[in-house]
Amino acid sequence: MSDFFREQTEIIQQYGWAVVHVLPSDEDPEGTVPFAYTVGLTADGRPELLIAGLPPDLGHQLLNELAGRVHEEHARFRHGRRVSDLIVEQDVTILTGTPTEELWPGAALARYGRSTSLLQQIVWPDPGNRFPWQEGYDTADYPQPLIDAPSTAAVRCRAPRSLAGAPGRRSGSRRGRTR
């Protein structure tokens, strides 16, 4: 077993999940968008979570917060659900679907298999309060590829300003970190 998977296993055993970041490299096509996802929630029969297009630290914090709710509080999110208390004064929408070539949670799929793994994406709006599936979404400045998911009703909400909720999950904690 590689050091990466060994360390990931230790983190999953300690916290219930780990977070993996996929960052563009020099070999990737121009415009490749970074994303992050959880590994470990599948072991509890829950979907792995994914977020795309945000700086690694912010994506990591948001994943840890929602994964904590899923793992510790047994929260479940249906496709298209709006979550209003993840980011201050902003709703996000949860999509349920399957990986795409752009958003491939390889470590989760390697660990649990594609037929066993479920996937949910945390989708955030642009500063105009539009989601990627809405007309006028600013894809040039806020690229956010989506997993392969059924369409969802258009939702309007405010632009991100800061994180909501208890700071313990997000500030300085190593919960779910793989790097």
C-alpha atoms as a PDB file:
ATOM      1  CA  MET A   1       0.000   0.000   0.000  1.00  0.00           C
ATOM      2  CA  SER A   2       1.390   3.405  -0.909  1.00  0.00           C
ATOM      3  CA  ASP A   3       2.162   6.019   1.738  1.00  0.00           C
ATOM      4  CA  PHE A   4      -0.693   8.141   0.373  1.00  0.00           C
ATOM      5  CA  PHE A   5      -3.306   5.419   0.949  1.00  0.00           C
ATOM      6  CA  ARG A   6      -1.786   4.387   4.270  1.00  0.00           C
ATOM      7  CA  GLU A   7      -1.964   7.982   5.569  1.00  0.00           C
ATOM      8  CA  GLN A   8      -5.445   8.377   4.111  1.00  0.00           C
ATOM      9  CA  THR A   9      -6.583   5.208   5.908  1.00  0.00           C
ATOM     10  CA  GLU A  10      -5.247   6.539   9.219  1.00  0.00           C
ATOM     11  CA  ILE A  11      -7.109   9.828   8.753  1.00  0.00           C
ATOM     12  CA  ILE A  12     -10.345   8.019   7.832  1.00  0.00           C
ATOM     13  CA  GLN A  13     -10.030   5.793  10.906  1.00  0.00           C
ATOM     14  CA  GLN A  14      -9.478   8.830  13.126  1.00  0.00           C
ATOM     15  CA  TYR A  15     -12.070  11.231  11.701  1.00  0.00           C
ATOM     16  CA  GLY A  16     -14.386   9.193   9.469  1.00  0.00           C
ATOM     17  CA  TRP A  17     -13.198  10.758   6.206  1.00  0.00           C
ATOM     18  CA  ALA A  18     -10.233  12.389   4.481  1.00  0.00           C
ATOM     19  CA  VAL A  19     -10.149  15.203   1.925  1.00  0.00           C
ATOM     20  CA  VAL A  20      -8.266  14.859  -1.359  1.00  0.00           C
ATOM     21  CA  HIS A  21      -7.354  17.885  -3.487  1.00  0.00           C
ATOM     22  CA  VAL A  22      -6.957  17.651  -7.247  1.00  0.00           C
ATOM     23  CA  LEU A  23      -4.978  20.649  -8.438  1.00  0.00           C
ATOM     24  CA  PRO A  24      -4.126  21.462 -12.065  1.00  0.00           C
ATOM     25  CA  SER A  25      -0.587  20.694 -13.158  1.00  0.00           C
ATOM     26  CA  ASP A  26       1.499  21.999 -16.043  1.00  0.00           C
ATOM     27  CA  GLU A  27       0.438  18.963 -18.094  1.00  0.00           C
ATOM     28  CA  ASP A  28      -3.298  19.678 -17.723  1.00  0.00           C
ATOM     29  CA  PRO A  29      -5.173  21.608 -20.406  1.00  0.00           C
ATOM     30  CA  GLU A  30      -5.534  25.348 -19.849  1.00  0.00           C
ATOM     31  CA  GLY A  31      -8.644  26.113 -17.844  1.00  0.00           C
ATOM     32  CA  THR A  32      -8.540  22.909 -15.773  1.00  0.00           C
ATOM     33  CA  VAL A  33     -10.406  23.663 -12.543  1.00  0.00           C
ATOM     34  CA  PRO A  34      -9.206  22.488  -9.101  1.00  0.00           C
ATOM     35  CA  PHE A  35     -11.546  20.379  -6.998  1.00  0.00           C
ATOM     36  CA  ALA A  36     -11.578  18.485  -3.734  1.00  0.00           C
ATOM     37  CA  TYR A  37     -13.551  15.525  -2.466  1.00  0.00           C
ATOM     38  CA  THR A  38     -13.992  13.304   0.559  1.00  0.00           C
ATOM     39  CA  VAL A  39     -12.956   9.697   0.932  1.00  0.00           C
ATOM     40  CA  GLY A  40     -14.388   7.569   3.733  1.00  0.00           C
ATOM     41  CA  LEU A  41     -18.074   8.448   3.913  1.00  0.00           C
ATOM     42  CA  THR A  42     -18.883   5.521   1.615  1.00  0.00           C
ATOM     43  CA  ALA A  43     -17.861   3.131   4.410  1.00  0.00           C
ATOM     44  CA  ASP A  44     -20.858   4.478   6.384  1.00  0.00           C
ATOM     45  CA  GLY A  45     -23.185   4.092   3.381  1.00  0.00           C
ATOM     46  CA  ARG A  46     -23.083   7.839   2.653  1.00  0.00           C
ATOM     47  CA  PRO A  47     -22.170   9.665  -0.550  1.00  0.00           C
ATOM     48  CA  GLU A  48     -18.710  11.126  -0.915  1.00  0.00           C
ATOM     49  CA  LEU A  49     -18.788  14.930  -1.184  1.00  0.00           C
ATOM     50  CA  LEU A  50     -17.090  17.027  -3.863  1.00  0.00           C
ATOM     51  CA  ILE A  51     -16.606  20.760  -4.463  1.00  0.00           C
ATOM     52  CA  ALA A  52     -15.026  22.431  -7.510  1.00  0.00           C
ATOM     53  CA  GLY A  53     -13.577  25.765  -8.502  1.00  0.00           C
ATOM     54  CA  LEU A  54     -12.622  27.138  -5.086  1.00  0.00           C
ATOM     55  CA  PRO A  55      -9.210  27.743  -3.516  1.00  0.00           C
ATOM     56  CA  PRO A  56      -8.038  24.541  -1.774  1.00  0.00           C
ATOM     57  CA  ASP A  57      -8.327  25.880   1.793  1.00  0.00           C
ATOM     58  CA  LEU A  58     -11.901  27.104   1.326  1.00  0.00           C
ATOM     59  CA  GLY A  59     -12.996  23.934  -0.471  1.00  0.00           C
ATOM     60  CA  HIS A  60     -11.382  21.846   2.271  1.00  0.00           C
ATOM     61  CA  GLN A  61     -13.183  23.769   5.029  1.00  0.00           C
ATOM     62  CA  LEU A  62     -16.571  23.488   3.348  1.00  0.00           C
ATOM     63  CA  LEU A  63     -16.104  19.766   2.735  1.00  0.00           C
ATOM     64  CA  ASN A  64     -15.058  19.205   6.358  1.00  0.00           C
ATOM     65  CA  GLU A  65     -18.108  21.075   7.658  1.00  0.00           C
ATOM     66  CA  LEU A  66     -20.595  19.160   5.521  1.00  0.00           C
ATOM     67  CA  ALA A  67     -18.786  15.831   6.004  1.00  0.00           C
ATOM     68  CA  GLY A  68     -18.959  16.398   9.770  1.00  0.00           C
ATOM     69  CA  ARG A  69     -22.712  16.785   9.508  1.00  0.00           C
ATOM     70  CA  VAL A  70     -22.963  13.637   7.412  1.00  0.00           C
ATOM     71  CA  HIS A  71     -20.634  11.523   9.555  1.00  0.00           C
ATOM     72  CA  GLU A  72     -21.356  12.785  13.067  1.00  0.00           C
ATOM     73  CA  GLU A  73     -24.953  13.977  12.789  1.00  0.00           C
ATOM     74  CA  HIS A  74     -26.083  11.457  10.133  1.00  0.00           C
ATOM     75  CA  ALA A  75     -27.333  14.268   7.897  1.00  0.00           C
ATOM     76  CA  ARG A  76     -28.586  13.300   4.465  1.00  0.00           C
ATOM     77  CA  PHE A  77     -28.987  15.652   1.528  1.00  0.00           C
ATOM     78  CA  ARG A  78     -31.316  14.958  -1.370  1.00  0.00           C
ATOM     79  CA  HIS A  79     -30.535  16.069  -4.918  1.00  0.00           C
ATOM     80  CA  GLY A  80     -31.272  19.763  -5.390  1.00  0.00           C
ATOM     81  CA  ARG A  81     -31.383  20.564  -1.677  1.00  0.00           C
ATOM     82  CA  ARG A  82     -30.407  24.070  -0.712  1.00  0.00           C
ATOM     83  CA  VAL A  83     -28.190  24.406   2.341  1.00  0.00           C
ATOM     84  CA  SER A  84     -28.362  27.887   3.838  1.00  0.00           C
ATOM     85  CA  ASP A  85     -26.122  27.534   6.895  1.00  0.00           C
ATOM     86  CA  LEU A  86     -22.854  26.394   5.323  1.00  0.00           C
ATOM     87  CA  ILE A  87     -21.658  29.835   4.175  1.00  0.00           C
ATOM     88  CA  VAL A  88     -22.796  33.112   5.749  1.00  0.00           C
ATOM     89  CA  GLU A  89     -25.585  34.794   3.773  1.00  0.00           C
ATOM     90  CA  GLN A  90     -25.373  32.288   0.929  1.00  0.00           C
ATOM     91  CA  ASP A  91     -27.134  29.111  -0.036  1.00  0.00           C
ATOM     92  CA  VAL A  92     -25.370  26.265  -1.759  1.00  0.00           C
ATOM     93  CA  THR A  93     -27.101  23.488  -3.655  1.00  0.00           C
ATOM     94  CA  ILE A  94     -26.335  19.777  -3.371  1.00  0.00           C
ATOM     95  CA  LEU A  95     -26.280  17.739  -6.571  1.00  0.00           C
ATOM     96  CA  THR A  96     -26.340  13.937  -6.571  1.00  0.00           C
ATOM     97  CA  GLY A  97     -24.809  12.259  -9.584  1.00  0.00           C
ATOM     98  CA  THR A  98     -21.890  10.464 -11.112  1.00  0.00           C
ATOM     99  CA  PRO A  99     -18.274  11.465 -11.766  1.00  0.00           C
ATOM    100  CA  THR A 100     -17.218  13.064 -15.018  1.00  0.00           C
ATOM    101  CA  GLU A 101     -13.833  13.180 -16.696  1.00  0.00           C
ATOM    102  CA  GLU A 102     -13.308  16.679 -15.221  1.00  0.00           C
ATOM    103  CA  LEU A 103     -14.467  15.689 -11.731  1.00  0.00           C
ATOM    104  CA  TRP A 104     -13.081  12.230 -11.076  1.00  0.00           C
ATOM    105  CA  PRO A 105     -12.768  11.255  -7.367  1.00  0.00           C
ATOM    106  CA  GLY A 106     -10.100   8.678  -8.131  1.00  0.00           C
ATOM    107  CA  ALA A 107      -9.019   7.811  -4.580  1.00  0.00           C
ATOM    108  CA  ALA A 108     -12.633   7.203  -3.488  1.00  0.00           C
ATOM    109  CA  LEU A 109     -13.364   5.092  -6.559  1.00  0.00           C
ATOM    110  CA  ALA A 110     -10.143   3.116  -6.099  1.00  0.00           C
ATOM    111  CA  ARG A 111     -10.943   2.463  -2.447  1.00  0.00           C
ATOM    112  CA  TYR A 112     -14.656   1.575  -2.755  1.00  0.00           C
ATOM    113  CA  GLY A 113     -15.307   0.847  -6.428  1.00  0.00           C
ATOM    114  CA  ARG A 114     -17.457   2.770  -8.853  1.00  0.00           C
ATOM    115  CA  SER A 115     -20.556   0.644  -8.308  1.00  0.00           C
ATOM    116  CA  THR A 116     -20.464   1.215  -4.530  1.00  0.00           C
ATOM    117  CA  SER A 117     -19.562   4.913  -4.458  1.00  0.00           C
ATOM    118  CA  LEU A 118     -22.217   7.607  -4.425  1.00  0.00           C
ATOM    119  CA  LEU A 119     -21.305  11.220  -5.128  1.00  0.00           C
ATOM    120  CA  GLN A 120     -22.757  14.584  -4.106  1.00  0.00           C
ATOM    121  CA  GLN A 121     -21.413  17.967  -5.183  1.00  0.00           C
ATOM    122  CA  ILE A 122     -21.614  21.202  -3.209  1.00  0.00           C
ATOM    123  CA  VAL A 123     -22.415  23.879  -5.809  1.00  0.00           C
ATOM    124  CA  TRP A 124     -22.020  27.586  -5.023  1.00  0.00           C
ATOM    125  CA  PRO A 125     -23.375  30.610  -6.929  1.00  0.00           C
ATOM    126  CA  ASP A 126     -21.457  33.417  -8.639  1.00  0.00           C
ATOM    127  CA  PRO A 127     -21.577  36.981  -7.230  1.00  0.00           C
ATOM    128  CA  GLY A 128     -24.770  37.541  -9.258  1.00  0.00           C
ATOM    129  CA  ASN A 129     -26.433  34.792  -7.182  1.00  0.00           C
ATOM    130  CA  ARG A 130     -26.678  32.452 -10.183  1.00  0.00           C
ATOM    131  CA  PHE A 131     -25.745  28.789 -10.261  1.00  0.00           C
ATOM    132  CA  PRO A 132     -23.904  27.211 -13.220  1.00  0.00           C
ATOM    133  CA  TRP A 133     -27.153  25.874 -14.710  1.00  0.00           C
ATOM    134  CA  GLN A 134     -28.797  29.306 -14.651  1.00  0.00           C
ATOM    135  CA  GLU A 135     -28.721  31.784 -17.509  1.00  0.00           C
ATOM    136  CA  GLY A 136     -26.110  34.481 -16.967  1.00  0.00           C
ATOM    137  CA  TYR A 137     -23.858  32.484 -14.628  1.00  0.00           C
ATOM    138  CA  ASP A 138     -20.333  33.944 -14.892  1.00  0.00           C
ATOM    139  CA  THR A 139     -18.427  30.876 -16.115  1.00  0.00           C
ATOM    140  CA  ALA A 140     -15.426  32.942 -17.214  1.00  0.00           C
ATOM    141  CA  ASP A 141     -14.600  34.263 -13.746  1.00  0.00           C
ATOM    142  CA  TYR A 142     -16.160  31.445 -11.680  1.00  0.00           C
ATOM    143  CA  PRO A 143     -15.586  28.157 -13.521  1.00  0.00           C
ATOM    144  CA  GLN A 144     -17.289  25.315 -11.727  1.00  0.00           C
ATOM    145  CA  PRO A 145     -17.673  22.052 -13.628  1.00  0.00           C
ATOM    146  CA  LEU A 146     -20.544  19.853 -12.492  1.00  0.00           C
ATOM    147  CA  ILE A 147     -20.897  16.136 -11.927  1.00  0.00           C
ATOM    148  CA  ASP A 148     -23.313  14.288 -14.198  1.00  0.00           C
ATOM    149  CA  ALA A 149     -26.578  14.943 -12.361  1.00  0.00           C
ATOM    150  CA  PRO A 150     -30.256  15.382 -13.191  1.00  0.00           C
ATOM    151  CA  SER A 151     -31.340  18.992 -13.657  1.00  0.00           C
ATOM    152  CA  THR A 152     -32.458  20.909 -10.605  1.00  0.00           C
ATOM    153  CA  ALA A 153     -34.785  23.860 -10.124  1.00  0.00           C
ATOM    154  CA  ALA A 154     -33.121  27.238 -10.455  1.00  0.00           C
ATOM    155  CA  VAL A 155     -32.195  28.691  -7.085  1.00  0.00           C
ATOM    156  CA  ARG A 156     -31.124  32.243  -6.269  1.00  0.00           C
ATOM    157  CA  CYS A 157     -29.001  33.142  -3.279  1.00  0.00           C
ATOM    158  CA  ARG A 158     -26.351  35.612  -2.153  1.00  0.00           C
ATOM    159  CA  ALA A 159     -22.633  35.645  -2.979  1.00  0.00           C
ATOM    160  CA  PRO A 160     -20.091  34.090  -0.569  1.00  0.00           C
ATOM    161  CA  ARG A 161     -18.785  36.337   2.171  1.00  0.00           C
ATOM    162  CA  SER A 162     -17.506  34.113   4.990  1.00  0.00           C
ATOM    163  CA  LEU A 163     -18.008  30.721   6.595  1.00  0.00           C
ATOM    164  CA  ALA A 164     -20.974  30.028   8.834  1.00  0.00           C
ATOM    165  CA  GLY A 165     -21.260  27.729  11.821  1.00  0.00           C
ATOM    166  CA  ALA A 166     -18.955  26.766  14.628  1.00  0.00           C
ATOM    167  CA  PRO A 167     -15.309  27.540  13.809  1.00  0.00           C
ATOM    168  CA  GLY A 168     -14.014  24.308  15.401  1.00  0.00           C
ATOM    169  CA  ARG A 169     -14.477  22.258  12.267  1.00  0.00           C
ATOM    170  CA  ARG A 170     -12.768  24.774  10.044  1.00  0.00           C
ATOM    171  CA  SER A 171     -10.100  26.811  11.761  1.00  0.00           C
ATOM    172  CA  GLY A 172      -6.865  25.039  12.394  1.00  0.00           C
ATOM    173  CA  SER A 173      -8.381  21.579  12.613  1.00  0.00           C
ATOM    174  CA  ARG A 174      -6.726  18.794  10.656  1.00  0.00           C
ATOM    175  CA  ARG A 175      -9.977  16.900  10.254  1.00  0.00           C
ATOM    176  CA  GLY A 176      -9.925  14.943   7.054  1.00  0.00           C
ATOM    177  CA  ARG A 177      -6.629  16.356   5.773  1.00  0.00           C
ATOM    178  CA  THR A 178      -4.543  14.169   3.510  1.00  0.00           C
ATOM    179  CA  ARG A 179      -1.951  16.802   2.719  1.00  0.00           C
END
